[in-house]
Amino acid sequence: MPVSGAVPIPQQPSPNLYALLGPEPFWRIARAFYARIDMHPTMRGMFPAELEEPIRNQAEFLIQYFGGPTAYSDRKGHPRLRMRHMPFAIDLAARNGWVECMRGALQDAGIEQPHREAMMAYFERTATFLMNRE
């Protein structure tokens, strides 16, 4: 897939997973994801030393993206994922490491099928979209 970012990111998935799951699973995902990042040998260096703010950002973003309240945008503005991730060198290895951590986080957070599959489809597309290096 080209690094140009021509792949559109859908605005909201269907069905509304937030309506089905509520907020807590998204917080579990964010905590589990960053617990994995904190121990990952190659991914850890891409993230700040303190992970509380990234956990909050990710949980609120996921809640909003999957159909919940807009706390993320209310606090931080439009998500602008490409712009916010541009300072980081995201190549195929970084993309795959991120996806690996997220796949494990969904398992750790107890996200059941078919919700896990729907989320992973979004995460894989988005991780590819955010690649900015060959």
C-alpha atoms as a PDB file:
ATOM      1  CA  MET A   1       0.000   0.000   0.000  1.00  0.00           C
ATOM      2  CA  PRO A   2       1.383   3.452  -0.842  1.00  0.00           C
ATOM      3  CA  VAL A   3       2.723   5.602   1.958  1.00  0.00           C
ATOM      4  CA  SER A   4       0.938   8.635   0.501  1.00  0.00           C
ATOM      5  CA  GLY A   5      -2.059   8.175   2.789  1.00  0.00           C
ATOM      6  CA  ALA A   6      -4.619   8.050   0.002  1.00  0.00           C
ATOM      7  CA  VAL A   7      -6.626   5.430   1.879  1.00  0.00           C
ATOM      8  CA  PRO A   8      -9.658   7.130   3.468  1.00  0.00           C
ATOM      9  CA  ILE A   9     -10.466   6.444   7.103  1.00  0.00           C
ATOM     10  CA  PRO A  10     -14.204   5.986   7.644  1.00  0.00           C
ATOM     11  CA  GLN A  11     -15.771   8.478  10.039  1.00  0.00           C
ATOM     12  CA  GLN A  12     -17.755   5.985  12.082  1.00  0.00           C
ATOM     13  CA  PRO A  13     -18.087   2.226  11.958  1.00  0.00           C
ATOM     14  CA  SER A  14     -21.274   0.281  11.898  1.00  0.00           C
ATOM     15  CA  PRO A  15     -22.635  -1.001  14.202  1.00  0.00           C
ATOM     16  CA  ASN A  16     -22.144   1.501  17.022  1.00  0.00           C
ATOM     17  CA  LEU A  17     -19.853  -0.528  19.290  1.00  0.00           C
ATOM     18  CA  TYR A  18     -20.007   2.063  22.037  1.00  0.00           C
ATOM     19  CA  ALA A  19     -23.794   1.570  22.286  1.00  0.00           C
ATOM     20  CA  LEU A  20     -23.224  -2.185  22.564  1.00  0.00           C
ATOM     21  CA  LEU A  21     -20.245  -2.149  24.951  1.00  0.00           C
ATOM     22  CA  GLY A  22     -20.303   1.095  26.939  1.00  0.00           C
ATOM     23  CA  PRO A  23     -17.182   3.059  27.929  1.00  0.00           C
ATOM     24  CA  GLU A  24     -15.271   0.660  30.212  1.00  0.00           C
ATOM     25  CA  PRO A  25     -14.041  -1.782  27.528  1.00  0.00           C
ATOM     26  CA  PHE A  26     -12.350   1.093  25.691  1.00  0.00           C
ATOM     27  CA  TRP A  27     -10.512   2.101  28.861  1.00  0.00           C
ATOM     28  CA  ARG A  28      -9.466  -1.553  29.348  1.00  0.00           C
ATOM     29  CA  ILE A  29      -8.178  -1.632  25.768  1.00  0.00           C
ATOM     30  CA  ALA A  30      -6.132   1.543  26.233  1.00  0.00           C
ATOM     31  CA  ARG A  31      -4.652   0.349  29.540  1.00  0.00           C
ATOM     32  CA  ALA A  32      -3.841  -3.090  28.103  1.00  0.00           C
ATOM     33  CA  PHE A  33      -2.360  -1.578  24.941  1.00  0.00           C
ATOM     34  CA  TYR A  34      -0.010   0.709  26.849  1.00  0.00           C
ATOM     35  CA  ALA A  35       0.945  -2.082  29.258  1.00  0.00           C
ATOM     36  CA  ARG A  36       2.103  -3.997  26.174  1.00  0.00           C
ATOM     37  CA  ILE A  37       3.833  -0.933  24.704  1.00  0.00           C
ATOM     38  CA  ASP A  38       5.622  -0.378  28.013  1.00  0.00           C
ATOM     39  CA  MET A  39       7.240  -3.819  27.709  1.00  0.00           C
ATOM     40  CA  HIS A  40       7.753  -3.912  23.923  1.00  0.00           C
ATOM     41  CA  PRO A  41      11.457  -3.948  22.992  1.00  0.00           C
ATOM     42  CA  THR A  42      11.146  -1.852  19.813  1.00  0.00           C
ATOM     43  CA  MET A  43       7.920   0.126  20.246  1.00  0.00           C
ATOM     44  CA  ARG A  44       8.544   1.617  23.721  1.00  0.00           C
ATOM     45  CA  GLY A  45      10.907   4.316  22.443  1.00  0.00           C
ATOM     46  CA  MET A  46       8.198   5.866  20.250  1.00  0.00           C
ATOM     47  CA  PHE A  47       6.084   6.781  23.289  1.00  0.00           C
ATOM     48  CA  PRO A  48       6.585   9.231  26.174  1.00  0.00           C
ATOM     49  CA  ALA A  49       7.989   8.091  29.502  1.00  0.00           C
ATOM     50  CA  GLU A  50       4.682   8.738  31.269  1.00  0.00           C
ATOM     51  CA  LEU A  51       1.763   6.867  29.708  1.00  0.00           C
ATOM     52  CA  GLU A  52      -1.267   8.219  31.606  1.00  0.00           C
ATOM     53  CA  GLU A  53      -2.006  10.946  29.038  1.00  0.00           C
ATOM     54  CA  PRO A  54      -1.652   8.584  26.042  1.00  0.00           C
ATOM     55  CA  ILE A  55      -3.985   6.124  27.793  1.00  0.00           C
ATOM     56  CA  ARG A  56      -6.572   8.864  28.241  1.00  0.00           C
ATOM     57  CA  ASN A  57      -6.152  10.076  24.671  1.00  0.00           C
ATOM     58  CA  GLN A  58      -6.534   6.608  23.226  1.00  0.00           C
ATOM     59  CA  ALA A  59      -9.520   5.631  25.379  1.00  0.00           C
ATOM     60  CA  GLU A  60     -11.370   8.858  24.609  1.00  0.00           C
ATOM     61  CA  PHE A  61     -10.524   8.638  20.910  1.00  0.00           C
ATOM     62  CA  LEU A  62     -11.746   5.026  20.700  1.00  0.00           C
ATOM     63  CA  ILE A  63     -14.929   5.871  22.591  1.00  0.00           C
ATOM     64  CA  GLN A  64     -15.607   8.711  20.175  1.00  0.00           C
ATOM     65  CA  TYR A  65     -14.671   6.764  17.047  1.00  0.00           C
ATOM     66  CA  PHE A  66     -16.808   3.785  17.979  1.00  0.00           C
ATOM     67  CA  GLY A  67     -19.889   5.948  18.550  1.00  0.00           C
ATOM     68  CA  GLY A  68     -19.630   7.417  22.043  1.00  0.00           C
ATOM     69  CA  PRO A  69     -19.313  10.913  23.481  1.00  0.00           C
ATOM     70  CA  THR A  70     -16.927  13.403  21.870  1.00  0.00           C
ATOM     71  CA  ALA A  71     -14.707  14.054  24.911  1.00  0.00           C
ATOM     72  CA  TYR A  72     -11.582  13.535  22.790  1.00  0.00           C
ATOM     73  CA  SER A  73     -12.482  16.191  20.213  1.00  0.00           C
ATOM     74  CA  ASP A  74     -13.909  18.491  22.878  1.00  0.00           C
ATOM     75  CA  ARG A  75     -10.531  18.425  24.632  1.00  0.00           C
ATOM     76  CA  LYS A  76      -8.071  18.113  21.746  1.00  0.00           C
ATOM     77  CA  GLY A  77      -9.892  19.206  18.584  1.00  0.00           C
ATOM     78  CA  HIS A  78     -10.307  17.140  15.427  1.00  0.00           C
ATOM     79  CA  PRO A  79      -8.364  13.860  15.686  1.00  0.00           C
ATOM     80  CA  ARG A  80      -6.205  14.564  12.560  1.00  0.00           C
ATOM     81  CA  LEU A  81      -4.526  11.202  12.952  1.00  0.00           C
ATOM     82  CA  ARG A  82      -2.041  11.630  10.085  1.00  0.00           C
ATOM     83  CA  MET A  83      -0.915  15.028  11.327  1.00  0.00           C
ATOM     84  CA  ARG A  84      -0.594  13.924  14.952  1.00  0.00           C
ATOM     85  CA  HIS A  85       1.460  10.861  13.979  1.00  0.00           C
ATOM     86  CA  MET A  86       3.672  12.516  11.340  1.00  0.00           C
ATOM     87  CA  PRO A  87       6.531  13.283  13.774  1.00  0.00           C
ATOM     88  CA  PHE A  88       7.003   9.549  14.331  1.00  0.00           C
ATOM     89  CA  ALA A  89       8.774   7.292  11.835  1.00  0.00           C
ATOM     90  CA  ILE A  90       6.068   4.747  11.089  1.00  0.00           C
ATOM     91  CA  ASP A  91       7.336   2.104   8.707  1.00  0.00           C
ATOM     92  CA  LEU A  92       6.027  -1.416   8.153  1.00  0.00           C
ATOM     93  CA  ALA A  93       7.851  -2.748  11.225  1.00  0.00           C
ATOM     94  CA  ALA A  94       6.399  -0.009  13.466  1.00  0.00           C
ATOM     95  CA  ARG A  95       2.951  -0.538  11.965  1.00  0.00           C
ATOM     96  CA  ASN A  96       3.159  -4.273  12.604  1.00  0.00           C
ATOM     97  CA  GLY A  97       4.446  -3.777  16.159  1.00  0.00           C
ATOM     98  CA  TRP A  98       1.556  -1.433  16.918  1.00  0.00           C
ATOM     99  CA  VAL A  99      -0.968  -3.879  15.442  1.00  0.00           C
ATOM    100  CA  GLU A 100       0.578  -6.728  17.448  1.00  0.00           C
ATOM    101  CA  CYS A 101       0.220  -4.732  20.680  1.00  0.00           C
ATOM    102  CA  MET A 102      -3.366  -3.772  19.846  1.00  0.00           C
ATOM    103  CA  ARG A 103      -4.332  -7.342  18.950  1.00  0.00           C
ATOM    104  CA  GLY A 104      -2.987  -8.501  22.313  1.00  0.00           C
ATOM    105  CA  ALA A 105      -4.693  -5.596  24.101  1.00  0.00           C
ATOM    106  CA  LEU A 106      -8.091  -6.585  22.706  1.00  0.00           C
ATOM    107  CA  GLN A 107      -7.519 -10.082  24.027  1.00  0.00           C
ATOM    108  CA  ASP A 108      -6.271  -8.808  27.399  1.00  0.00           C
ATOM    109  CA  ALA A 109      -9.291  -6.487  27.653  1.00  0.00           C
ATOM    110  CA  GLY A 110     -11.672  -9.388  27.056  1.00  0.00           C
ATOM    111  CA  ILE A 111     -13.194  -8.044  23.849  1.00  0.00           C
ATOM    112  CA  GLU A 112     -15.284 -10.856  22.378  1.00  0.00           C
ATOM    113  CA  GLN A 113     -16.054 -11.687  18.773  1.00  0.00           C
ATOM    114  CA  PRO A 114     -17.480 -10.256  16.563  1.00  0.00           C
ATOM    115  CA  HIS A 115     -16.524  -6.941  18.207  1.00  0.00           C
ATOM    116  CA  ARG A 116     -12.830  -7.856  18.283  1.00  0.00           C
ATOM    117  CA  GLU A 117     -12.849  -8.579  14.548  1.00  0.00           C
ATOM    118  CA  ALA A 118     -14.587  -5.270  13.768  1.00  0.00           C
ATOM    119  CA  MET A 119     -12.098  -3.340  15.878  1.00  0.00           C
ATOM    120  CA  MET A 120      -9.090  -5.128  14.402  1.00  0.00           C
ATOM    121  CA  ALA A 121     -10.272  -4.348  10.874  1.00  0.00           C
ATOM    122  CA  TYR A 122     -10.280  -0.655  11.793  1.00  0.00           C
ATOM    123  CA  PHE A 123      -6.933  -0.827  13.620  1.00  0.00           C
ATOM    124  CA  GLU A 124      -5.188  -2.608  10.741  1.00  0.00           C
ATOM    125  CA  ARG A 125      -6.519  -0.114   8.158  1.00  0.00           C
ATOM    126  CA  THR A 126      -5.622   2.848  10.318  1.00  0.00           C
ATOM    127  CA  ALA A 127      -2.133   1.574  11.147  1.00  0.00           C
ATOM    128  CA  THR A 128      -1.463   1.214   7.416  1.00  0.00           C
ATOM    129  CA  PHE A 129      -2.915   4.685   6.766  1.00  0.00           C
ATOM    130  CA  LEU A 130      -0.518   6.190   9.317  1.00  0.00           C
ATOM    131  CA  MET A 131       2.608   4.743   7.698  1.00  0.00           C
ATOM    132  CA  ASN A 132       4.869   7.581   6.595  1.00  0.00           C
ATOM    133  CA  ARG A 133       8.131   5.780   5.789  1.00  0.00           C
ATOM    134  CA  GLU A 134       9.034   2.981   3.391  1.00  0.00           C
END
